[in-house]
C-alpha atoms as a PDB file:
ATOM      1  CA  MET A   1      61.657   0.747   6.489  1.00  0.00           C
ATOM      2  CA  LEU A   2      62.070   3.952   5.883  1.00  0.00           C
ATOM      3  CA  VAL A   3      65.010   5.680   5.125  1.00  0.00           C
ATOM      4  CA  SER A   4      66.616   9.206   4.512  1.00  0.00           C
ATOM      5  CA  ASP A   5      69.772   9.831   3.623  1.00  0.00           C
ATOM      6  CA  ARG A   6      72.456   7.865   6.020  1.00  0.00           C
ATOM      7  CA  HIS A   7      69.375   6.937   8.713  1.00  0.00           C
ATOM      8  CA  ALA A   8      66.540   5.100   8.875  1.00  0.00           C
ATOM      9  CA  ILE A   9      63.608   3.757  10.890  1.00  0.00           C
ATOM     10  CA  PHE A  10      63.051  -0.115  11.171  1.00  0.00           C
ATOM     11  CA  HIS A  11      59.491  -1.909  12.320  1.00  0.00           C
ATOM     12  CA  ILE A  12      59.829  -5.627  12.171  1.00  0.00           C
ATOM     13  CA  GLY A  13      57.739  -8.179  14.043  1.00  0.00           C
ATOM     14  CA  GLY A  14      54.497  -8.016  16.167  1.00  0.00           C
ATOM     15  CA  GLY A  15      51.864  -5.128  16.583  1.00  0.00           C
ATOM     16  CA  SER A  16      50.559  -2.529  14.502  1.00  0.00           C
ATOM     17  CA  ALA A  17      52.295   0.875  13.539  1.00  0.00           C
ATOM     18  CA  LYS A  18      51.607   4.114  11.719  1.00  0.00           C
ATOM     19  CA  TYR A  19      54.634   6.541  11.420  1.00  0.00           C
ATOM     20  CA  ALA A  20      53.762   9.967   9.771  1.00  0.00           C
ATOM     21  CA  GLY A  21      50.389   8.734   8.571  1.00  0.00           C
ATOM     22  CA  SER A  22      51.457   5.653   6.800  1.00  0.00           C
ATOM     23  CA  SER A  23      51.420   2.039   7.734  1.00  0.00           C
ATOM     24  CA  ILE A  24      54.232   0.365   8.773  1.00  0.00           C
ATOM     25  CA  GLY A  25      53.287  -3.161   9.832  1.00  0.00           C
ATOM     26  CA  SER A  26      50.711  -5.014  11.025  1.00  0.00           C
ATOM     27  CA  VAL A  27      50.943  -8.678  12.295  1.00  0.00           C
ATOM     28  CA  TYR A  28      49.713 -11.184  14.608  1.00  0.00           C
ATOM     29  CA  GLY A  29      45.667  -9.570  14.137  1.00  0.00           C
ATOM     30  CA  CYS A  30      46.493  -6.781  15.956  1.00  0.00           C
ATOM     31  CA  SER A  31      44.298  -3.536  14.796  1.00  0.00           C
ATOM     32  CA  GLU A  32      45.550  -0.388  13.938  1.00  0.00           C
ATOM     33  CA  VAL A  33      44.471   2.251  16.608  1.00  0.00           C
ATOM     34  CA  SER A  34      43.141   5.381  15.326  1.00  0.00           C
ATOM     35  CA  MET A  35      44.042   8.689  16.225  1.00  0.00           C
ATOM     36  CA  SER A  36      40.866  11.000  16.256  1.00  0.00           C
ATOM     37  CA  HIS A  37      39.673  12.909  18.770  1.00  0.00           C
ATOM     38  CA  SER A  38      36.049  11.244  18.941  1.00  0.00           C
ATOM     39  CA  THR A  39      37.226   7.581  19.656  1.00  0.00           C
ATOM     40  CA  ALA A  40      40.213   9.072  22.131  1.00  0.00           C
ATOM     41  CA  ASN A  41      38.617   6.773  25.063  1.00  0.00           C
ATOM     42  CA  SER A  42      38.295   3.917  23.307  1.00  0.00           C
ATOM     43  CA  ASP A  43      41.384   4.455  21.728  1.00  0.00           C
ATOM     44  CA  HIS A  44      43.131   4.394  25.124  1.00  0.00           C
ATOM     45  CA  THR A  45      41.408   1.131  26.292  1.00  0.00           C
ATOM     46  CA  GLN A  46      42.692  -0.470  23.260  1.00  0.00           C
ATOM     47  CA  ALA A  47      46.420   0.720  23.646  1.00  0.00           C
ATOM     48  CA  ALA A  48      45.867  -0.573  27.311  1.00  0.00           C
ATOM     49  CA  LYS A  49      44.778  -3.717  26.504  1.00  0.00           C
ATOM     50  CA  GLN A  50      47.482  -3.919  23.283  1.00  0.00           C
ATOM     51  CA  LEU A  51      50.297  -2.815  26.514  1.00  0.00           C
ATOM     52  CA  ALA A  52      49.045  -5.286  28.722  1.00  0.00           C
ATOM     53  CA  TYR A  53      49.281  -8.372  25.597  1.00  0.00           C
ATOM     54  CA  TRP A  54      53.038  -7.339  25.120  1.00  0.00           C
ATOM     55  CA  GLU A  55      54.098  -7.104  28.515  1.00  0.00           C
ATOM     56  CA  LYS A  56      52.229 -10.872  29.578  1.00  0.00           C
ATOM     57  CA  VAL A  57      53.858 -12.357  26.083  1.00  0.00           C
ATOM     58  CA  ALA A  58      57.269 -10.923  26.705  1.00  0.00           C
ATOM     59  CA  SER A  59      58.970 -13.469  28.714  1.00  0.00           C
ATOM     60  CA  LYS A  60      57.381 -16.751  25.809  1.00  0.00           C
ATOM     61  CA  TYR A  61      58.131 -13.917  22.795  1.00  0.00           C
ATOM     62  CA  ASP A  62      60.998 -15.418  21.405  1.00  0.00           C
ATOM     63  CA  LEU A  63      59.863 -18.649  21.620  1.00  0.00           C
ATOM     64  CA  SER A  64      57.408 -17.713  19.640  1.00  0.00           C
ATOM     65  CA  LEU A  65      59.850 -16.621  16.555  1.00  0.00           C
ATOM     66  CA  ARG A  66      60.272 -20.575  16.163  1.00  0.00           C
ATOM     67  CA  LEU A  67      57.633 -19.988  13.550  1.00  0.00           C
ATOM     68  CA  LEU A  68      60.419 -17.394  11.453  1.00  0.00           C
ATOM     69  CA  HIS A  69      63.515 -20.334  11.668  1.00  0.00           C
ATOM     70  CA  ARG A  70      63.378 -20.790   7.978  1.00  0.00           C
ATOM     71  CA  PRO A  71      63.447 -17.010   6.348  1.00  0.00           C
ATOM     72  CA  LEU A  72      65.022 -15.417   9.429  1.00  0.00           C
ATOM     73  CA  PRO A  73      68.729 -15.787   8.316  1.00  0.00           C
ATOM     74  CA  ARG A  74      67.992 -14.420   5.056  1.00  0.00           C
ATOM     75  CA  MET A  75      65.558 -11.287   6.866  1.00  0.00           C
ATOM     76  CA  LEU A  76      68.459 -10.487   8.574  1.00  0.00           C
ATOM     77  CA  GLU A  77      70.863 -10.803   5.760  1.00  0.00           C
ATOM     78  CA  LEU A  78      68.581  -7.892   3.850  1.00  0.00           C
ATOM     79  CA  ILE A  79      68.244  -5.438   7.358  1.00  0.00           C
ATOM     80  CA  GLY A  80      71.948  -5.944   7.385  1.00  0.00           C
ATOM     81  CA  GLU A  81      71.973  -4.839   3.751  1.00  0.00           C
ATOM     82  CA  ALA A  82      69.568  -1.868   4.237  1.00  0.00           C
ATOM     83  CA  ALA A  83      70.838  -0.898   7.613  1.00  0.00           C
ATOM     84  CA  GLU A  84      74.708  -0.798   5.863  1.00  0.00           C
ATOM     85  CA  GLY A  85      76.574   2.289   6.768  1.00  0.00           C
ATOM     86  CA  ALA A  86      73.737   4.008   8.228  1.00  0.00           C
ATOM     87  CA  ASP A  87      75.069   6.502  10.808  1.00  0.00           C
ATOM     88  CA  ARG A  88      71.796   6.520  12.713  1.00  0.00           C
ATOM     89  CA  VAL A  89      69.083   3.857  12.574  1.00  0.00           C
ATOM     90  CA  LEU A  90      65.883   3.630  15.002  1.00  0.00           C
ATOM     91  CA  GLU A  91      64.253   0.437  15.555  1.00  0.00           C
ATOM     92  CA  VAL A  92      60.722   0.642  16.345  1.00  0.00           C
ATOM     93  CA  ALA A  93      58.735  -2.208  18.313  1.00  0.00           C
ATOM     94  CA  ALA A  94      62.159  -3.569  18.776  1.00  0.00           C
ATOM     95  CA  GLY A  95      60.051  -6.486  20.816  1.00  0.00           C
ATOM     96  CA  THR A  96      63.563  -8.787  22.223  1.00  0.00           C
ATOM     97  CA  GLY A  97      66.119  -7.699  20.042  1.00  0.00           C
ATOM     98  CA  LEU A  98      65.510 -10.032  17.214  1.00  0.00           C
ATOM     99  CA  VAL A  99      67.105  -8.036  14.495  1.00  0.00           C
ATOM    100  CA  THR A 100      68.701  -5.609  16.637  1.00  0.00           C
ATOM    101  CA  PRO A 101      72.211  -7.292  16.581  1.00  0.00           C
ATOM    102  CA  THR A 102      72.028  -7.388  12.967  1.00  0.00           C
ATOM    103  CA  LEU A 103      71.450  -3.463  12.927  1.00  0.00           C
ATOM    104  CA  ALA A 104      74.251  -3.260  15.373  1.00  0.00           C
ATOM    105  CA  GLU A 105      76.673  -4.541  13.419  1.00  0.00           C
ATOM    106  CA  LYS A 106      75.471  -2.718  10.330  1.00  0.00           C
ATOM    107  CA  ALA A 107      74.868   0.903  11.531  1.00  0.00           C
ATOM    108  CA  ALA A 108      76.962   3.548  13.877  1.00  0.00           C
ATOM    109  CA  GLU A 109      74.621   3.677  16.721  1.00  0.00           C
ATOM    110  CA  VAL A 110      70.802   1.983  17.300  1.00  0.00           C
ATOM    111  CA  VAL A 111      68.549   3.038  18.585  1.00  0.00           C
ATOM    112  CA  ALA A 112      66.428   0.317  19.729  1.00  0.00           C
ATOM    113  CA  THR A 113      62.873   0.912  21.277  1.00  0.00           C
ATOM    114  CA  ASP A 114      59.601  -0.696  22.236  1.00  0.00           C
ATOM    115  CA  TYR A 115      56.820   0.304  24.156  1.00  0.00           C
ATOM    116  CA  ALA A 116      56.408  -2.708  26.281  1.00  0.00           C
ATOM    117  CA  GLU A 117      58.941  -2.515  29.606  1.00  0.00           C
ATOM    118  CA  ALA A 118      59.082  -6.214  29.770  1.00  0.00           C
ATOM    119  CA  MET A 119      60.453  -6.495  25.847  1.00  0.00           C
ATOM    120  CA  VAL A 120      62.746  -3.222  26.770  1.00  0.00           C
ATOM    121  CA  GLU A 121      64.007  -5.304  29.580  1.00  0.00           C
ATOM    122  CA  ARG A 122      64.551  -8.260  27.970  1.00  0.00           C
ATOM    123  CA  LEU A 123      66.028  -6.408  24.388  1.00  0.00           C
ATOM    124  CA  LYS A 124      68.425  -4.824  26.854  1.00  0.00           C
ATOM    125  CA  ALA A 125      69.694  -8.477  28.298  1.00  0.00           C
ATOM    126  CA  LYS A 126      69.721  -9.390  24.211  1.00  0.00           C
ATOM    127  CA  VAL A 127      72.006  -6.488  23.617  1.00  0.00           C
ATOM    128  CA  SER A 128      74.396  -6.938  26.671  1.00  0.00           C
ATOM    129  CA  ALA A 129      74.683 -11.059  25.725  1.00  0.00           C
ATOM    130  CA  HIS A 130      75.586  -9.987  22.062  1.00  0.00           C
ATOM    131  CA  GLY A 131      78.060  -7.879  23.481  1.00  0.00           C
ATOM    132  CA  VAL A 132      77.640  -4.869  20.885  1.00  0.00           C
ATOM    133  CA  SER A 133      78.005  -0.908  22.257  1.00  0.00           C
ATOM    134  CA  ASN A 134      76.337   0.831  19.784  1.00  0.00           C
ATOM    135  CA  VAL A 135      72.776   0.419  20.915  1.00  0.00           C
ATOM    136  CA  GLN A 136      70.658   2.326  23.114  1.00  0.00           C
ATOM    137  CA  CYS A 137      67.031   0.771  24.309  1.00  0.00           C
ATOM    138  CA  GLU A 138      64.075   2.891  25.135  1.00  0.00           C
ATOM    139  CA  GLN A 139      61.029   2.256  26.212  1.00  0.00           C
ATOM    140  CA  ALA A 140      58.966   4.170  23.651  1.00  0.00           C
ATOM    141  CA  ASP A 141      55.125   4.661  22.258  1.00  0.00           C
ATOM    142  CA  ILE A 142      55.588   4.435  18.345  1.00  0.00           C
ATOM    143  CA  TYR A 143      52.643   7.506  18.952  1.00  0.00           C
ATOM    144  CA  THR A 144      54.646   9.499  20.923  1.00  0.00           C
ATOM    145  CA  LEU A 145      58.480   9.279  19.577  1.00  0.00           C
ATOM    146  CA  PRO A 146      61.218  11.863  21.410  1.00  0.00           C
ATOM    147  CA  TYR A 147      62.803  12.001  18.272  1.00  0.00           C
ATOM    148  CA  GLU A 148      63.619  14.231  14.740  1.00  0.00           C
END
């Protein structure tokens, strides 16, 4: 999580992510993608494979999170504490929205993103089911986020 004044960026869960040159997280054995020009073709192939994987597992993703059952309440508590009072939160790699409702309870506005459209569709459904209105769900690639 990166925090600046009353804004925060969260990355929780699977995949790998880099932001501003620093690693945010890597889980489930996915490798980080280098952005050098010399490996552009292999990077594109690797990124396409990773996207295809997340599109495929979206329908079963929440079931896989049963492994987090015991630490989940504490994790959500810590995330809620970190987001408390934030004006705006950018949640990257939001997946199906495991922590999005918690962020929505604590921050004025949440932009939740994932680069797999299937994940974003499930994220939208979860946000709707929780009845929160301060969450904007978007498909976005962590490497080319359209936010400042």
